[in-house]
Amino acid sequence: NELAAIAREEGLWYHIDAAYGGFAVLDPRTRPLLKG
């Protein structure tokens, strides 16, 4: 979330490499850690 705010403020393309962790959004207990 903090990095997203900086990217918006500075006009940068914001890319997230979630190759390993991205699919953890499917786990309801872990999903909040991936907010953003």
PDB file of all heavy atoms in Angstrom:
ATOM      1  N   ASN A   1       0.826  -1.219   0.000  1.00  0.00           N
ATOM      2  CA  ASN A   1       0.000   0.000   0.000  1.00  0.00           C
ATOM      3  C   ASN A   1       0.856   1.264   0.000  1.00  0.00           C
ATOM      4  O   ASN A   1       0.580   2.216  -0.755  1.00  0.00           O
ATOM      5  CB  ASN A   1      -0.932   0.002   1.215  1.00  0.00           C
ATOM      6  CG  ASN A   1      -2.121  -0.921   1.032  1.00  0.00           C
ATOM      7  OD1 ASN A   1      -2.790  -0.889   0.012  1.00  0.00           O
ATOM      8  ND2 ASN A   1      -2.376  -1.756   2.027  1.00  0.00           N
ATOM      9  N   GLU A   2       1.879   1.289   0.822  1.00  0.00           N
ATOM     10  CA  GLU A   2       2.745   2.474   0.880  1.00  0.00           C
ATOM     11  C   GLU A   2       3.468   2.698  -0.438  1.00  0.00           C
ATOM     12  O   GLU A   2       3.609   3.833  -0.900  1.00  0.00           O
ATOM     13  CB  GLU A   2       3.753   2.325   2.020  1.00  0.00           C
ATOM     14  CG  GLU A   2       3.143   2.315   3.410  1.00  0.00           C
ATOM     15  CD  GLU A   2       4.206   2.097   4.464  1.00  0.00           C
ATOM     16  OE1 GLU A   2       5.064   2.985   4.628  1.00  0.00           O
ATOM     17  OE2 GLU A   2       4.186   1.030   5.110  1.00  0.00           O
ATOM     18  N   LEU A   3       3.918   1.624  -1.043  1.00  0.00           N
ATOM     19  CA  LEU A   3       4.609   1.756  -2.316  1.00  0.00           C
ATOM     20  C   LEU A   3       3.650   2.204  -3.416  1.00  0.00           C
ATOM     21  O   LEU A   3       4.033   2.980  -4.307  1.00  0.00           O
ATOM     22  CB  LEU A   3       5.268   0.424  -2.692  1.00  0.00           C
ATOM     23  CG  LEU A   3       6.358  -0.061  -1.728  1.00  0.00           C
ATOM     24  CD1 LEU A   3       6.911  -1.404  -2.185  1.00  0.00           C
ATOM     25  CD2 LEU A   3       7.482   0.957  -1.596  1.00  0.00           C
ATOM     26  N   ALA A   4       2.407   1.743  -3.345  1.00  0.00           N
ATOM     27  CA  ALA A   4       1.415   2.182  -4.329  1.00  0.00           C
ATOM     28  C   ALA A   4       1.194   3.684  -4.251  1.00  0.00           C
ATOM     29  O   ALA A   4       1.068   4.369  -5.284  1.00  0.00           O
ATOM     30  CB  ALA A   4       0.098   1.445  -4.104  1.00  0.00           C
ATOM     31  N   ALA A   5       1.152   4.229  -3.039  1.00  0.00           N
ATOM     32  CA  ALA A   5       0.945   5.674  -2.871  1.00  0.00           C
ATOM     33  C   ALA A   5       2.107   6.461  -3.477  1.00  0.00           C
ATOM     34  O   ALA A   5       1.896   7.500  -4.132  1.00  0.00           O
ATOM     35  CB  ALA A   5       0.793   5.998  -1.389  1.00  0.00           C
ATOM     36  N   ILE A   6       3.322   5.976  -3.297  1.00  0.00           N
ATOM     37  CA  ILE A   6       4.485   6.656  -3.870  1.00  0.00           C
ATOM     38  C   ILE A   6       4.442   6.581  -5.393  1.00  0.00           C
ATOM     39  O   ILE A   6       4.718   7.573  -6.095  1.00  0.00           O
ATOM     40  CB  ILE A   6       5.779   6.037  -3.321  1.00  0.00           C
ATOM     41  CG1 ILE A   6       5.902   6.303  -1.819  1.00  0.00           C
ATOM     42  CG2 ILE A   6       6.999   6.589  -4.066  1.00  0.00           C
ATOM     43  CD1 ILE A   6       7.045   5.572  -1.158  1.00  0.00           C
ATOM     44  N   ALA A   7       4.095   5.410  -5.927  1.00  0.00           N
ATOM     45  CA  ALA A   7       4.023   5.253  -7.377  1.00  0.00           C
ATOM     46  C   ALA A   7       2.994   6.201  -7.979  1.00  0.00           C
ATOM     47  O   ALA A   7       3.240   6.828  -9.026  1.00  0.00           O
ATOM     48  CB  ALA A   7       3.694   3.806  -7.731  1.00  0.00           C
ATOM     49  N   ARG A   8       1.836   6.324  -7.329  1.00  0.00           N
ATOM     50  CA  ARG A   8       0.813   7.258  -7.832  1.00  0.00           C
ATOM     51  C   ARG A   8       1.315   8.697  -7.772  1.00  0.00           C
ATOM     52  O   ARG A   8       1.155   9.468  -8.725  1.00  0.00           O
ATOM     53  CB  ARG A   8      -0.466   7.120  -7.005  1.00  0.00           C
ATOM     54  CG  ARG A   8      -1.339   5.949  -7.374  1.00  0.00           C
ATOM     55  CD  ARG A   8      -2.746   6.114  -6.818  1.00  0.00           C
ATOM     56  NE  ARG A   8      -2.744   6.339  -5.379  1.00  0.00           N
ATOM     57  CZ  ARG A   8      -2.799   5.386  -4.477  1.00  0.00           C
ATOM     58  NH1 ARG A   8      -2.850   4.113  -4.879  1.00  0.00           N
ATOM     59  NH2 ARG A   8      -2.811   5.659  -3.185  1.00  0.00           N
ATOM     60  N   GLU A   9       1.897   9.062  -6.660  1.00  0.00           N
ATOM     61  CA  GLU A   9       2.378  10.435  -6.487  1.00  0.00           C
ATOM     62  C   GLU A   9       3.445  10.784  -7.525  1.00  0.00           C
ATOM     63  O   GLU A   9       3.469  11.916  -8.042  1.00  0.00           O
ATOM     64  CB  GLU A   9       2.948  10.602  -5.078  1.00  0.00           C
ATOM     65  CG  GLU A   9       3.513  11.981  -4.790  1.00  0.00           C
ATOM     66  CD  GLU A   9       4.147  12.070  -3.412  1.00  0.00           C
ATOM     67  OE1 GLU A   9       3.843  11.203  -2.552  1.00  0.00           O
ATOM     68  OE2 GLU A   9       4.942  12.995  -3.193  1.00  0.00           O
ATOM     69  N   GLU A  10       4.311   9.827  -7.845  1.00  0.00           N
ATOM     70  CA  GLU A  10       5.429  10.101  -8.731  1.00  0.00           C
ATOM     71  C   GLU A  10       5.149   9.737 -10.189  1.00  0.00           C
ATOM     72  O   GLU A  10       6.005   9.928 -11.059  1.00  0.00           O
ATOM     73  CB  GLU A  10       6.667   9.330  -8.249  1.00  0.00           C
ATOM     74  CG  GLU A  10       7.153   9.745  -6.867  1.00  0.00           C
ATOM     75  CD  GLU A  10       7.757  11.145  -6.872  1.00  0.00           C
ATOM     76  OE1 GLU A  10       8.062  11.662  -7.967  1.00  0.00           O
ATOM     77  OE2 GLU A  10       7.940  11.707  -5.786  1.00  0.00           O
ATOM     78  N   GLY A  11       3.965   9.195 -10.450  1.00  0.00           N
ATOM     79  CA  GLY A  11       3.610   8.861 -11.828  1.00  0.00           C
ATOM     80  C   GLY A  11       4.376   7.689 -12.399  1.00  0.00           C
ATOM     81  O   GLY A  11       4.701   7.662 -13.589  1.00  0.00           O
ATOM     82  N   LEU A  12       4.656   6.677 -11.561  1.00  0.00           N
ATOM     83  CA  LEU A  12       5.402   5.499 -12.005  1.00  0.00           C
ATOM     84  C   LEU A  12       4.455   4.334 -12.302  1.00  0.00           C
ATOM     85  O   LEU A  12       3.413   4.181 -11.662  1.00  0.00           O
ATOM     86  CB  LEU A  12       6.393   5.048 -10.919  1.00  0.00           C
ATOM     87  CG  LEU A  12       7.363   6.075 -10.345  1.00  0.00           C
ATOM     88  CD1 LEU A  12       8.317   5.393  -9.387  1.00  0.00           C
ATOM     89  CD2 LEU A  12       8.113   6.798 -11.446  1.00  0.00           C
ATOM     90  N   TRP A  13       4.833   3.522 -13.265  1.00  0.00           N
ATOM     91  CA  TRP A  13       4.169   2.225 -13.449  1.00  0.00           C
ATOM     92  C   TRP A  13       4.535   1.375 -12.241  1.00  0.00           C
ATOM     93  O   TRP A  13       5.713   1.216 -11.900  1.00  0.00           O
ATOM     94  CB  TRP A  13       4.658   1.571 -14.735  1.00  0.00           C
ATOM     95  CG  TRP A  13       4.059   0.227 -15.021  1.00  0.00           C
ATOM     96  CD1 TRP A  13       4.340  -0.951 -14.387  1.00  0.00           C
ATOM     97  CD2 TRP A  13       3.110  -0.094 -16.045  1.00  0.00           C
ATOM     98  NE1 TRP A  13       3.624  -1.989 -14.933  1.00  0.00           N
ATOM     99  CE2 TRP A  13       2.856  -1.489 -15.962  1.00  0.00           C
ATOM    100  CE3 TRP A  13       2.449   0.652 -17.029  1.00  0.00           C
ATOM    101  CZ2 TRP A  13       1.975  -2.143 -16.824  1.00  0.00           C
ATOM    102  CZ3 TRP A  13       1.574  -0.005 -17.887  1.00  0.00           C
ATOM    103  CH2 TRP A  13       1.339  -1.378 -17.783  1.00  0.00           C
ATOM    104  N   TYR A  14       3.518   0.782 -11.600  1.00  0.00           N
ATOM    105  CA  TYR A  14       3.732   0.014 -10.375  1.00  0.00           C
ATOM    106  C   TYR A  14       3.526  -1.460 -10.687  1.00  0.00           C
ATOM    107  O   TYR A  14       2.404  -1.916 -10.913  1.00  0.00           O
ATOM    108  CB  TYR A  14       2.748   0.490  -9.308  1.00  0.00           C
ATOM    109  CG  TYR A  14       2.867  -0.185  -7.958  1.00  0.00           C
ATOM    110  CD1 TYR A  14       4.072  -0.669  -7.470  1.00  0.00           C
ATOM    111  CD2 TYR A  14       1.735  -0.326  -7.141  1.00  0.00           C
ATOM    112  CE1 TYR A  14       4.165  -1.267  -6.234  1.00  0.00           C
ATOM    113  CE2 TYR A  14       1.819  -0.913  -5.890  1.00  0.00           C
ATOM    114  CZ  TYR A  14       3.031  -1.389  -5.444  1.00  0.00           C
ATOM    115  OH  TYR A  14       3.123  -1.983  -4.208  1.00  0.00           O
ATOM    116  N   HIS A  15       4.630  -2.189 -10.721  1.00  0.00           N
ATOM    117  CA  HIS A  15       4.592  -3.622 -10.999  1.00  0.00           C
ATOM    118  C   HIS A  15       4.899  -4.397  -9.726  1.00  0.00           C
ATOM    119  O   HIS A  15       5.781  -4.011  -8.951  1.00  0.00           O
ATOM    120  CB  HIS A  15       5.629  -3.983 -12.070  1.00  0.00           C
ATOM    121  CG  HIS A  15       5.739  -5.459 -12.317  1.00  0.00           C
ATOM    122  ND1 HIS A  15       4.692  -6.215 -12.798  1.00  0.00           N
ATOM    123  CD2 HIS A  15       6.783  -6.327 -12.138  1.00  0.00           C
ATOM    124  CE1 HIS A  15       5.075  -7.467 -12.913  1.00  0.00           C
ATOM    125  NE2 HIS A  15       6.340  -7.570 -12.509  1.00  0.00           N
ATOM    126  N   ILE A  16       4.173  -5.495  -9.505  1.00  0.00           N
ATOM    127  CA  ILE A  16       4.429  -6.362  -8.352  1.00  0.00           C
ATOM    128  C   ILE A  16       4.803  -7.753  -8.856  1.00  0.00           C
ATOM    129  O   ILE A  16       4.031  -8.390  -9.589  1.00  0.00           O
ATOM    130  CB  ILE A  16       3.213  -6.451  -7.412  1.00  0.00           C
ATOM    131  CG1 ILE A  16       2.859  -5.075  -6.850  1.00  0.00           C
ATOM    132  CG2 ILE A  16       3.496  -7.428  -6.268  1.00  0.00           C
ATOM    133  CD1 ILE A  16       1.619  -5.065  -5.970  1.00  0.00           C
ATOM    134  N   ASP A  17       5.967  -8.207  -8.473  1.00  0.00           N
ATOM    135  CA  ASP A  17       6.382  -9.578  -8.745  1.00  0.00           C
ATOM    136  C   ASP A  17       5.828 -10.449  -7.618  1.00  0.00           C
ATOM    137  O   ASP A  17       6.381 -10.514  -6.525  1.00  0.00           O
ATOM    138  CB  ASP A  17       7.901  -9.663  -8.803  1.00  0.00           C
ATOM    139  CG  ASP A  17       8.402 -11.079  -9.084  1.00  0.00           C
ATOM    140  OD1 ASP A  17       7.569 -11.996  -9.176  1.00  0.00           O
ATOM    141  OD2 ASP A  17       9.625 -11.262  -9.203  1.00  0.00           O
ATOM    142  N   ALA A  18       4.705 -11.093  -7.909  1.00  0.00           N
ATOM    143  CA  ALA A  18       4.049 -11.986  -6.939  1.00  0.00           C
ATOM    144  C   ALA A  18       4.135 -13.426  -7.429  1.00  0.00           C
ATOM    145  O   ALA A  18       3.227 -14.224  -7.188  1.00  0.00           O
ATOM    146  CB  ALA A  18       2.601 -11.565  -6.723  1.00  0.00           C
ATOM    147  N   ALA A  19       5.226 -13.740  -8.118  1.00  0.00           N
ATOM    148  CA  ALA A  19       5.379 -15.075  -8.701  1.00  0.00           C
ATOM    149  C   ALA A  19       5.219 -16.163  -7.651  1.00  0.00           C
ATOM    150  O   ALA A  19       4.533 -17.162  -7.870  1.00  0.00           O
ATOM    151  CB  ALA A  19       6.741 -15.188  -9.374  1.00  0.00           C
ATOM    152  N   TYR A  20       5.842 -15.959  -6.497  1.00  0.00           N
ATOM    153  CA  TYR A  20       5.731 -16.965  -5.435  1.00  0.00           C
ATOM    154  C   TYR A  20       4.485 -16.749  -4.582  1.00  0.00           C
ATOM    155  O   TYR A  20       3.675 -17.652  -4.402  1.00  0.00           O
ATOM    156  CB  TYR A  20       6.983 -16.939  -4.549  1.00  0.00           C
ATOM    157  CG  TYR A  20       6.797 -17.707  -3.254  1.00  0.00           C
ATOM    158  CD1 TYR A  20       6.387 -19.032  -3.270  1.00  0.00           C
ATOM    159  CD2 TYR A  20       7.015 -17.103  -2.030  1.00  0.00           C
ATOM    160  CE1 TYR A  20       6.193 -19.734  -2.084  1.00  0.00           C
ATOM    161  CE2 TYR A  20       6.834 -17.795  -0.847  1.00  0.00           C
ATOM    162  CZ  TYR A  20       6.414 -19.108  -0.877  1.00  0.00           C
ATOM    163  OH  TYR A  20       6.216 -19.784   0.287  1.00  0.00           O
ATOM    164  N   GLY A  21       4.287 -15.535  -4.070  1.00  0.00           N
ATOM    165  CA  GLY A  21       3.264 -15.338  -3.047  1.00  0.00           C
ATOM    166  C   GLY A  21       1.882 -14.988  -3.532  1.00  0.00           C
ATOM    167  O   GLY A  21       0.924 -15.011  -2.751  1.00  0.00           O
ATOM    168  N   GLY A  22       1.719 -14.663  -4.811  1.00  0.00           N
ATOM    169  CA  GLY A  22       0.461 -14.102  -5.266  1.00  0.00           C
ATOM    170  C   GLY A  22      -0.758 -14.967  -5.028  1.00  0.00           C
ATOM    171  O   GLY A  22      -1.821 -14.476  -4.630  1.00  0.00           O
ATOM    172  N   PHE A  23      -0.632 -16.268  -5.255  1.00  0.00           N
ATOM    173  CA  PHE A  23      -1.804 -17.135  -5.118  1.00  0.00           C
ATOM    174  C   PHE A  23      -2.186 -17.382  -3.663  1.00  0.00           C
ATOM    175  O   PHE A  23      -3.230 -17.991  -3.393  1.00  0.00           O
ATOM    176  CB  PHE A  23      -1.594 -18.448  -5.859  1.00  0.00           C
ATOM    177  CG  PHE A  23      -1.644 -18.289  -7.355  1.00  0.00           C
ATOM    178  CD1 PHE A  23      -0.521 -18.508  -8.136  1.00  0.00           C
ATOM    179  CD2 PHE A  23      -2.810 -17.885  -7.980  1.00  0.00           C
ATOM    180  CE1 PHE A  23      -0.560 -18.345  -9.509  1.00  0.00           C
ATOM    181  CE2 PHE A  23      -2.873 -17.712  -9.359  1.00  0.00           C
ATOM    182  CZ  PHE A  23      -1.745 -17.938 -10.127  1.00  0.00           C
ATOM    183  N   ALA A  24      -1.395 -16.893  -2.726  1.00  0.00           N
ATOM    184  CA  ALA A  24      -1.800 -16.968  -1.322  1.00  0.00           C
ATOM    185  C   ALA A  24      -3.029 -16.095  -1.044  1.00  0.00           C
ATOM    186  O   ALA A  24      -3.628 -16.207   0.034  1.00  0.00           O
ATOM    187  CB  ALA A  24      -0.649 -16.552  -0.410  1.00  0.00           C
ATOM    188  N   VAL A  25      -3.431 -15.238  -1.995  1.00  0.00           N
ATOM    189  CA  VAL A  25      -4.686 -14.484  -1.815  1.00  0.00           C
ATOM    190  C   VAL A  25      -5.872 -15.430  -1.706  1.00  0.00           C
ATOM    191  O   VAL A  25      -6.939 -15.036  -1.200  1.00  0.00           O
ATOM    192  CB  VAL A  25      -4.935 -13.483  -2.962  1.00  0.00           C
ATOM    193  CG1 VAL A  25      -3.882 -12.402  -2.988  1.00  0.00           C
ATOM    194  CG2 VAL A  25      -5.042 -14.182  -4.310  1.00  0.00           C
ATOM    195  N   LEU A  26      -5.732 -16.664  -2.165  1.00  0.00           N
ATOM    196  CA  LEU A  26      -6.833 -17.619  -2.065  1.00  0.00           C
ATOM    197  C   LEU A  26      -7.071 -18.081  -0.634  1.00  0.00           C
ATOM    198  O   LEU A  26      -8.154 -18.578  -0.318  1.00  0.00           O
ATOM    199  CB  LEU A  26      -6.558 -18.829  -2.967  1.00  0.00           C
ATOM    200  CG  LEU A  26      -6.523 -18.549  -4.474  1.00  0.00           C
ATOM    201  CD1 LEU A  26      -6.139 -19.805  -5.235  1.00  0.00           C
ATOM    202  CD2 LEU A  26      -7.867 -18.017  -4.953  1.00  0.00           C
ATOM    203  N   ASP A  27      -6.081 -17.953   0.223  1.00  0.00           N
ATOM    204  CA  ASP A  27      -6.206 -18.341   1.632  1.00  0.00           C
ATOM    205  C   ASP A  27      -6.754 -17.156   2.422  1.00  0.00           C
ATOM    206  O   ASP A  27      -6.075 -16.133   2.551  1.00  0.00           O
ATOM    207  CB  ASP A  27      -4.837 -18.762   2.172  1.00  0.00           C
ATOM    208  CG  ASP A  27      -4.872 -19.052   3.666  1.00  0.00           C
ATOM    209  OD1 ASP A  27      -5.944 -19.427   4.182  1.00  0.00           O
ATOM    210  OD2 ASP A  27      -3.826 -18.884   4.324  1.00  0.00           O
ATOM    211  N   PRO A  28      -7.970 -17.245   2.964  1.00  0.00           N
ATOM    212  CA  PRO A  28      -8.565 -16.085   3.646  1.00  0.00           C
ATOM    213  C   PRO A  28      -7.713 -15.551   4.795  1.00  0.00           C
ATOM    214  O   PRO A  28      -7.710 -14.348   5.056  1.00  0.00           O
ATOM    215  CB  PRO A  28      -9.898 -16.631   4.165  1.00  0.00           C
ATOM    216  CG  PRO A  28     -10.203 -17.809   3.307  1.00  0.00           C
ATOM    217  CD  PRO A  28      -8.877 -18.400   2.939  1.00  0.00           C
ATOM    218  N   ARG A  29      -6.963 -16.424   5.464  1.00  0.00           N
ATOM    219  CA  ARG A  29      -6.150 -15.982   6.595  1.00  0.00           C
ATOM    220  C   ARG A  29      -4.929 -15.190   6.141  1.00  0.00           C
ATOM    221  O   ARG A  29      -4.426 -14.322   6.858  1.00  0.00           O
ATOM    222  CB  ARG A  29      -5.714 -17.212   7.402  1.00  0.00           C
ATOM    223  CG  ARG A  29      -5.148 -16.888   8.781  1.00  0.00           C
ATOM    224  CD  ARG A  29      -5.062 -18.141   9.623  1.00  0.00           C
ATOM    225  NE  ARG A  29      -4.133 -19.104   9.064  1.00  0.00           N
ATOM    226  CZ  ARG A  29      -2.841 -19.183   9.412  1.00  0.00           C
ATOM    227  NH1 ARG A  29      -2.345 -18.347  10.298  1.00  0.00           N
ATOM    228  NH2 ARG A  29      -2.073 -20.097   8.880  1.00  0.00           N
ATOM    229  N   THR A  30      -4.437 -15.484   4.934  1.00  0.00           N
ATOM    230  CA  THR A  30      -3.231 -14.836   4.423  1.00  0.00           C
ATOM    231  C   THR A  30      -3.551 -13.627   3.556  1.00  0.00           C
ATOM    232  O   THR A  30      -2.723 -12.711   3.443  1.00  0.00           O
ATOM    233  CB  THR A  30      -2.394 -15.853   3.618  1.00  0.00           C
ATOM    234  OG1 THR A  30      -2.154 -17.003   4.437  1.00  0.00           O
ATOM    235  CG2 THR A  30      -1.075 -15.279   3.181  1.00  0.00           C
ATOM    236  N   ARG A  31      -4.711 -13.594   2.963  1.00  0.00           N
ATOM    237  CA  ARG A  31      -5.054 -12.534   2.011  1.00  0.00           C
ATOM    238  C   ARG A  31      -4.791 -11.122   2.544  1.00  0.00           C
ATOM    239  O   ARG A  31      -4.296 -10.267   1.799  1.00  0.00           O
ATOM    240  CB  ARG A  31      -6.503 -12.680   1.560  1.00  0.00           C
ATOM    241  CG  ARG A  31      -6.872 -11.700   0.450  1.00  0.00           C
ATOM    242  CD  ARG A  31      -8.321 -11.856  -0.023  1.00  0.00           C
ATOM    243  NE  ARG A  31      -8.584 -10.918  -1.093  1.00  0.00           N
ATOM    244  CZ  ARG A  31      -8.488 -11.173  -2.395  1.00  0.00           C
ATOM    245  NH1 ARG A  31      -8.132 -12.382  -2.782  1.00  0.00           N
ATOM    246  NH2 ARG A  31      -8.726 -10.250  -3.299  1.00  0.00           N
ATOM    247  N   PRO A  32      -5.107 -10.814   3.818  1.00  0.00           N
ATOM    248  CA  PRO A  32      -4.842  -9.442   4.293  1.00  0.00           C
ATOM    249  C   PRO A  32      -3.380  -9.025   4.166  1.00  0.00           C
ATOM    250  O   PRO A  32      -3.095  -7.827   4.013  1.00  0.00           O
ATOM    251  CB  PRO A  32      -5.275  -9.494   5.761  1.00  0.00           C
ATOM    252  CG  PRO A  32      -6.309 -10.569   5.806  1.00  0.00           C
ATOM    253  CD  PRO A  32      -5.831 -11.600   4.831  1.00  0.00           C
ATOM    254  N   LEU A  33      -2.436  -9.977   4.220  1.00  0.00           N
ATOM    255  CA  LEU A  33      -1.024  -9.637   4.081  1.00  0.00           C
ATOM    256  C   LEU A  33      -0.694  -9.134   2.681  1.00  0.00           C
ATOM    257  O   LEU A  33       0.321  -8.472   2.471  1.00  0.00           O
ATOM    258  CB  LEU A  33      -0.151 -10.858   4.393  1.00  0.00           C
ATOM    259  CG  LEU A  33      -0.292 -11.465   5.791  1.00  0.00           C
ATOM    260  CD1 LEU A  33       0.592 -12.705   5.909  1.00  0.00           C
ATOM    261  CD2 LEU A  33       0.068 -10.449   6.863  1.00  0.00           C
ATOM    262  N   LEU A  34      -1.563  -9.458   1.720  1.00  0.00           N
ATOM    263  CA  LEU A  34      -1.324  -9.093   0.322  1.00  0.00           C
ATOM    264  C   LEU A  34      -2.192  -7.923  -0.116  1.00  0.00           C
ATOM    265  O   LEU A  34      -2.289  -7.636  -1.313  1.00  0.00           O
ATOM    266  CB  LEU A  34      -1.575 -10.304  -0.570  1.00  0.00           C
ATOM    267  CG  LEU A  34      -0.594 -11.462  -0.332  1.00  0.00           C
ATOM    268  CD1 LEU A  34      -1.141 -12.765  -0.882  1.00  0.00           C
ATOM    269  CD2 LEU A  34       0.759 -11.158  -0.948  1.00  0.00           C
ATOM    270  N   LYS A  35      -2.775  -7.229   0.854  1.00  0.00           N
ATOM    271  CA  LYS A  35      -3.563  -6.050   0.535  1.00  0.00           C
ATOM    272  C   LYS A  35      -2.687  -5.034  -0.187  1.00  0.00           C
ATOM    273  O   LYS A  35      -1.585  -4.712   0.268  1.00  0.00           O
ATOM    274  CB  LYS A  35      -4.120  -5.437   1.826  1.00  0.00           C
ATOM    275  CG  LYS A  35      -5.002  -4.217   1.616  1.00  0.00           C
ATOM    276  CD  LYS A  35      -6.288  -4.588   0.945  1.00  0.00           C
ATOM    277  CE  LYS A  35      -7.213  -3.363   0.823  1.00  0.00           C
ATOM    278  NZ  LYS A  35      -8.381  -3.646  -0.021  1.00  0.00           N
ATOM    279  N   GLY A  36      -3.160  -4.553  -1.313  1.00  0.00           N
ATOM    280  CA  GLY A  36      -2.375  -3.624  -2.124  1.00  0.00           C
ATOM    281  C   GLY A  36      -2.027  -4.189  -3.480  1.00  0.00           C
ATOM    282  O   GLY A  36      -1.623  -3.441  -4.378  1.00  0.00           O
TER     283      GLY A  36
END
